[in-house]
């Protein structure tokens, strides 16, 4: 799948988990490129940056089922060979989520083996007090 197809697919998958994410992307998004005729174009990373900010602002969407579905999607990406989407999940989502303590705490119990490991690694690198360093 080409990058633009992957971006559209992942965006569709995320909007299926969080239906109001569609509205956020059309009204409140900031991480996009301008495409033909002024349309917003989202790459893999920008979709996950938007998702981070969206979920940090929408505490009412932190339902068990939606967080479990998100965790399963993340795990599916991270268990495949590394590509742009893998990097987007690791850097643009899991690393960024660590900056939102409440959301990170809500998501962490739902992360699976690989995504949990990546999250913990990213959290300890970006926040030395979590890793025991001083």
C-alpha atoms as a PDB file:
ATOM      1  CA  UNK A   1       0.000   0.000   0.000  1.00  0.00           C
ATOM      2  CA  UNK A   2       1.347   3.441  -0.870  1.00  0.00           C
ATOM      3  CA  UNK A   3       1.744   6.078   1.820  1.00  0.00           C
ATOM      4  CA  UNK A   4      -1.368   8.064   0.841  1.00  0.00           C
ATOM      5  CA  UNK A   5      -3.460   4.872   0.792  1.00  0.00           C
ATOM      6  CA  UNK A   6      -2.066   3.878   4.177  1.00  0.00           C
ATOM      7  CA  UNK A   7      -2.885   7.331   5.583  1.00  0.00           C
ATOM      8  CA  UNK A   8      -6.456   7.090   4.336  1.00  0.00           C
ATOM      9  CA  UNK A   9      -6.870   3.555   5.702  1.00  0.00           C
ATOM     10  CA  UNK A  10      -5.484   4.368   9.136  1.00  0.00           C
ATOM     11  CA  UNK A  11      -7.560   7.534   9.280  1.00  0.00           C
ATOM     12  CA  UNK A  12     -10.661   5.510   8.391  1.00  0.00           C
ATOM     13  CA  UNK A  13      -9.824   2.903  11.048  1.00  0.00           C
ATOM     14  CA  UNK A  14      -9.344   5.591  13.700  1.00  0.00           C
ATOM     15  CA  UNK A  15     -12.595   7.326  12.710  1.00  0.00           C
ATOM     16  CA  UNK A  16     -14.391   3.984  13.075  1.00  0.00           C
ATOM     17  CA  UNK A  17     -13.087   3.733  16.640  1.00  0.00           C
ATOM     18  CA  UNK A  18     -13.698   7.426  17.426  1.00  0.00           C
ATOM     19  CA  UNK A  19     -16.449   8.690  15.062  1.00  0.00           C
ATOM     20  CA  UNK A  20     -16.127  12.332  16.157  1.00  0.00           C
ATOM     21  CA  UNK A  21     -12.460  12.281  15.092  1.00  0.00           C
ATOM     22  CA  UNK A  22     -13.801  12.955  11.579  1.00  0.00           C
ATOM     23  CA  UNK A  23     -15.228  16.287  12.762  1.00  0.00           C
ATOM     24  CA  UNK A  24     -12.012  17.144  14.602  1.00  0.00           C
ATOM     25  CA  UNK A  25      -9.965  16.581  11.459  1.00  0.00           C
ATOM     26  CA  UNK A  26     -12.203  18.839   9.399  1.00  0.00           C
ATOM     27  CA  UNK A  27     -12.616  21.599  12.012  1.00  0.00           C
ATOM     28  CA  UNK A  28      -9.806  21.629  14.563  1.00  0.00           C
ATOM     29  CA  UNK A  29      -6.794  20.044  12.891  1.00  0.00           C
ATOM     30  CA  UNK A  30      -3.449  21.777  12.570  1.00  0.00           C
ATOM     31  CA  UNK A  31      -1.070  18.990  11.482  1.00  0.00           C
ATOM     32  CA  UNK A  32      -1.809  18.714   7.788  1.00  0.00           C
ATOM     33  CA  UNK A  33      -0.481  19.753   4.414  1.00  0.00           C
ATOM     34  CA  UNK A  34      -2.501  21.656   1.910  1.00  0.00           C
ATOM     35  CA  UNK A  35      -3.320  19.553  -1.119  1.00  0.00           C
ATOM     36  CA  UNK A  36      -4.901  20.326  -4.427  1.00  0.00           C
ATOM     37  CA  UNK A  37      -7.689  22.862  -4.314  1.00  0.00           C
ATOM     38  CA  UNK A  38      -6.907  23.710  -0.689  1.00  0.00           C
ATOM     39  CA  UNK A  39      -7.941  20.349   0.753  1.00  0.00           C
ATOM     40  CA  UNK A  40      -6.302  19.071   3.932  1.00  0.00           C
ATOM     41  CA  UNK A  41      -3.912  16.175   3.401  1.00  0.00           C
ATOM     42  CA  UNK A  42      -2.866  14.077   6.391  1.00  0.00           C
ATOM     43  CA  UNK A  43       0.210  11.878   6.402  1.00  0.00           C
ATOM     44  CA  UNK A  44       0.570   8.998   8.841  1.00  0.00           C
ATOM     45  CA  UNK A  45       2.379  11.120  11.411  1.00  0.00           C
ATOM     46  CA  UNK A  46      -0.047  14.025  11.203  1.00  0.00           C
ATOM     47  CA  UNK A  47      -3.015  11.695  11.721  1.00  0.00           C
ATOM     48  CA  UNK A  48      -1.474  10.359  14.923  1.00  0.00           C
ATOM     49  CA  UNK A  49      -0.462  13.816  16.167  1.00  0.00           C
ATOM     50  CA  UNK A  50      -4.054  14.943  15.621  1.00  0.00           C
ATOM     51  CA  UNK A  51      -5.331  11.827  17.404  1.00  0.00           C
ATOM     52  CA  UNK A  52      -3.137  12.585  20.426  1.00  0.00           C
ATOM     53  CA  UNK A  53      -4.498  16.106  20.779  1.00  0.00           C
ATOM     54  CA  UNK A  54      -8.050  14.981  20.024  1.00  0.00           C
ATOM     55  CA  UNK A  55      -8.061  12.301  22.715  1.00  0.00           C
ATOM     56  CA  UNK A  56      -6.275  14.485  25.256  1.00  0.00           C
ATOM     57  CA  UNK A  57      -9.068  17.036  24.824  1.00  0.00           C
ATOM     58  CA  UNK A  58     -11.947  14.526  24.762  1.00  0.00           C
ATOM     59  CA  UNK A  59     -11.890  12.674  28.070  1.00  0.00           C
ATOM     60  CA  UNK A  60     -15.475  11.549  27.508  1.00  0.00           C
ATOM     61  CA  UNK A  61     -14.237   9.243  24.707  1.00  0.00           C
ATOM     62  CA  UNK A  62     -11.953   7.183  26.922  1.00  0.00           C
ATOM     63  CA  UNK A  63     -14.256   4.141  27.028  1.00  0.00           C
ATOM     64  CA  UNK A  64     -12.861   0.670  27.650  1.00  0.00           C
ATOM     65  CA  UNK A  65     -13.996  -0.600  24.255  1.00  0.00           C
ATOM     66  CA  UNK A  66     -12.532   2.318  22.296  1.00  0.00           C
ATOM     67  CA  UNK A  67      -9.199   2.214  24.151  1.00  0.00           C
ATOM     68  CA  UNK A  68      -9.005  -1.550  23.611  1.00  0.00           C
ATOM     69  CA  UNK A  69      -9.742  -1.115  19.893  1.00  0.00           C
ATOM     70  CA  UNK A  70      -7.093   1.606  19.647  1.00  0.00           C
ATOM     71  CA  UNK A  71      -4.568  -0.574  21.473  1.00  0.00           C
ATOM     72  CA  UNK A  72      -5.278  -3.486  19.114  1.00  0.00           C
ATOM     73  CA  UNK A  73      -4.771  -1.211  16.093  1.00  0.00           C
ATOM     74  CA  UNK A  74      -1.473   0.084  17.521  1.00  0.00           C
ATOM     75  CA  UNK A  75      -0.282  -3.431  18.286  1.00  0.00           C
ATOM     76  CA  UNK A  76      -1.111  -4.534  14.742  1.00  0.00           C
ATOM     77  CA  UNK A  77       1.021  -1.755  13.311  1.00  0.00           C
ATOM     78  CA  UNK A  78       3.939  -2.362  15.674  1.00  0.00           C
ATOM     79  CA  UNK A  79       4.127  -6.102  15.065  1.00  0.00           C
ATOM     80  CA  UNK A  80       4.667  -5.605  11.325  1.00  0.00           C
ATOM     81  CA  UNK A  81       8.025  -4.714   9.762  1.00  0.00           C
ATOM     82  CA  UNK A  82       9.023  -1.118  10.493  1.00  0.00           C
ATOM     83  CA  UNK A  83       7.773   1.400   7.940  1.00  0.00           C
ATOM     84  CA  UNK A  84       6.400   4.970   7.937  1.00  0.00           C
ATOM     85  CA  UNK A  85       3.262   3.876   9.758  1.00  0.00           C
ATOM     86  CA  UNK A  86       5.335   2.128  12.441  1.00  0.00           C
ATOM     87  CA  UNK A  87       7.312   5.354  12.916  1.00  0.00           C
ATOM     88  CA  UNK A  88       4.113   7.393  13.077  1.00  0.00           C
ATOM     89  CA  UNK A  89       2.691   5.177  15.832  1.00  0.00           C
ATOM     90  CA  UNK A  90       5.952   5.128  17.772  1.00  0.00           C
ATOM     91  CA  UNK A  91       7.009   8.765  17.498  1.00  0.00           C
ATOM     92  CA  UNK A  92       3.904  10.740  16.607  1.00  0.00           C
ATOM     93  CA  UNK A  93       1.559   8.904  18.943  1.00  0.00           C
ATOM     94  CA  UNK A  94       3.104   6.793  21.714  1.00  0.00           C
ATOM     95  CA  UNK A  95       5.967   9.197  22.386  1.00  0.00           C
ATOM     96  CA  UNK A  96       3.641  12.215  22.245  1.00  0.00           C
ATOM     97  CA  UNK A  97       0.961  10.614  24.444  1.00  0.00           C
ATOM     98  CA  UNK A  98       3.505  10.507  27.251  1.00  0.00           C
ATOM     99  CA  UNK A  99       3.156  14.280  27.509  1.00  0.00           C
ATOM    100  CA  UNK A 100      -0.517  13.905  28.462  1.00  0.00           C
ATOM    101  CA  UNK A 101      -0.325  12.176  31.812  1.00  0.00           C
ATOM    102  CA  UNK A 102      -4.047  11.522  32.295  1.00  0.00           C
ATOM    103  CA  UNK A 103      -4.539  10.081  28.830  1.00  0.00           C
ATOM    104  CA  UNK A 104      -1.290   8.097  29.005  1.00  0.00           C
ATOM    105  CA  UNK A 105      -2.496   6.600  32.288  1.00  0.00           C
ATOM    106  CA  UNK A 106      -5.857   5.659  30.775  1.00  0.00           C
ATOM    107  CA  UNK A 107      -4.306   4.113  27.662  1.00  0.00           C
ATOM    108  CA  UNK A 108      -1.386   2.241  29.274  1.00  0.00           C
ATOM    109  CA  UNK A 109      -3.397  -0.668  30.766  1.00  0.00           C
ATOM    110  CA  UNK A 110      -4.816  -1.455  27.314  1.00  0.00           C
ATOM    111  CA  UNK A 111      -1.527  -1.539  25.438  1.00  0.00           C
ATOM    112  CA  UNK A 112      -0.367  -4.968  24.423  1.00  0.00           C
ATOM    113  CA  UNK A 113       3.102  -6.526  24.351  1.00  0.00           C
ATOM    114  CA  UNK A 114       4.877  -4.575  21.614  1.00  0.00           C
ATOM    115  CA  UNK A 115       2.982  -1.281  21.992  1.00  0.00           C
ATOM    116  CA  UNK A 116       3.394  -1.399  25.778  1.00  0.00           C
ATOM    117  CA  UNK A 117       7.131  -1.966  25.409  1.00  0.00           C
ATOM    118  CA  UNK A 118       7.506   0.891  22.913  1.00  0.00           C
ATOM    119  CA  UNK A 119       5.413   3.169  25.131  1.00  0.00           C
ATOM    120  CA  UNK A 120       7.514   2.399  28.205  1.00  0.00           C
ATOM    121  CA  UNK A 121      10.750   2.874  26.285  1.00  0.00           C
ATOM    122  CA  UNK A 122       9.590   6.181  24.797  1.00  0.00           C
ATOM    123  CA  UNK A 123       8.303   7.364  28.185  1.00  0.00           C
ATOM    124  CA  UNK A 124      11.567   6.588  29.960  1.00  0.00           C
ATOM    125  CA  UNK A 125      13.636   8.290  27.255  1.00  0.00           C
ATOM    126  CA  UNK A 126      11.529  11.437  27.113  1.00  0.00           C
ATOM    127  CA  UNK A 127      11.001  11.685  30.870  1.00  0.00           C
ATOM    128  CA  UNK A 128      14.124  10.740  32.874  1.00  0.00           C
ATOM    129  CA  UNK A 129      12.249  10.676  36.199  1.00  0.00           C
ATOM    130  CA  UNK A 130      10.259   7.675  34.893  1.00  0.00           C
ATOM    131  CA  UNK A 131      13.436   5.757  34.117  1.00  0.00           C
ATOM    132  CA  UNK A 132      14.982   6.255  37.530  1.00  0.00           C
ATOM    133  CA  UNK A 133      17.607   8.693  36.184  1.00  0.00           C
ATOM    134  CA  UNK A 134      18.190  11.952  37.987  1.00  0.00           C
END
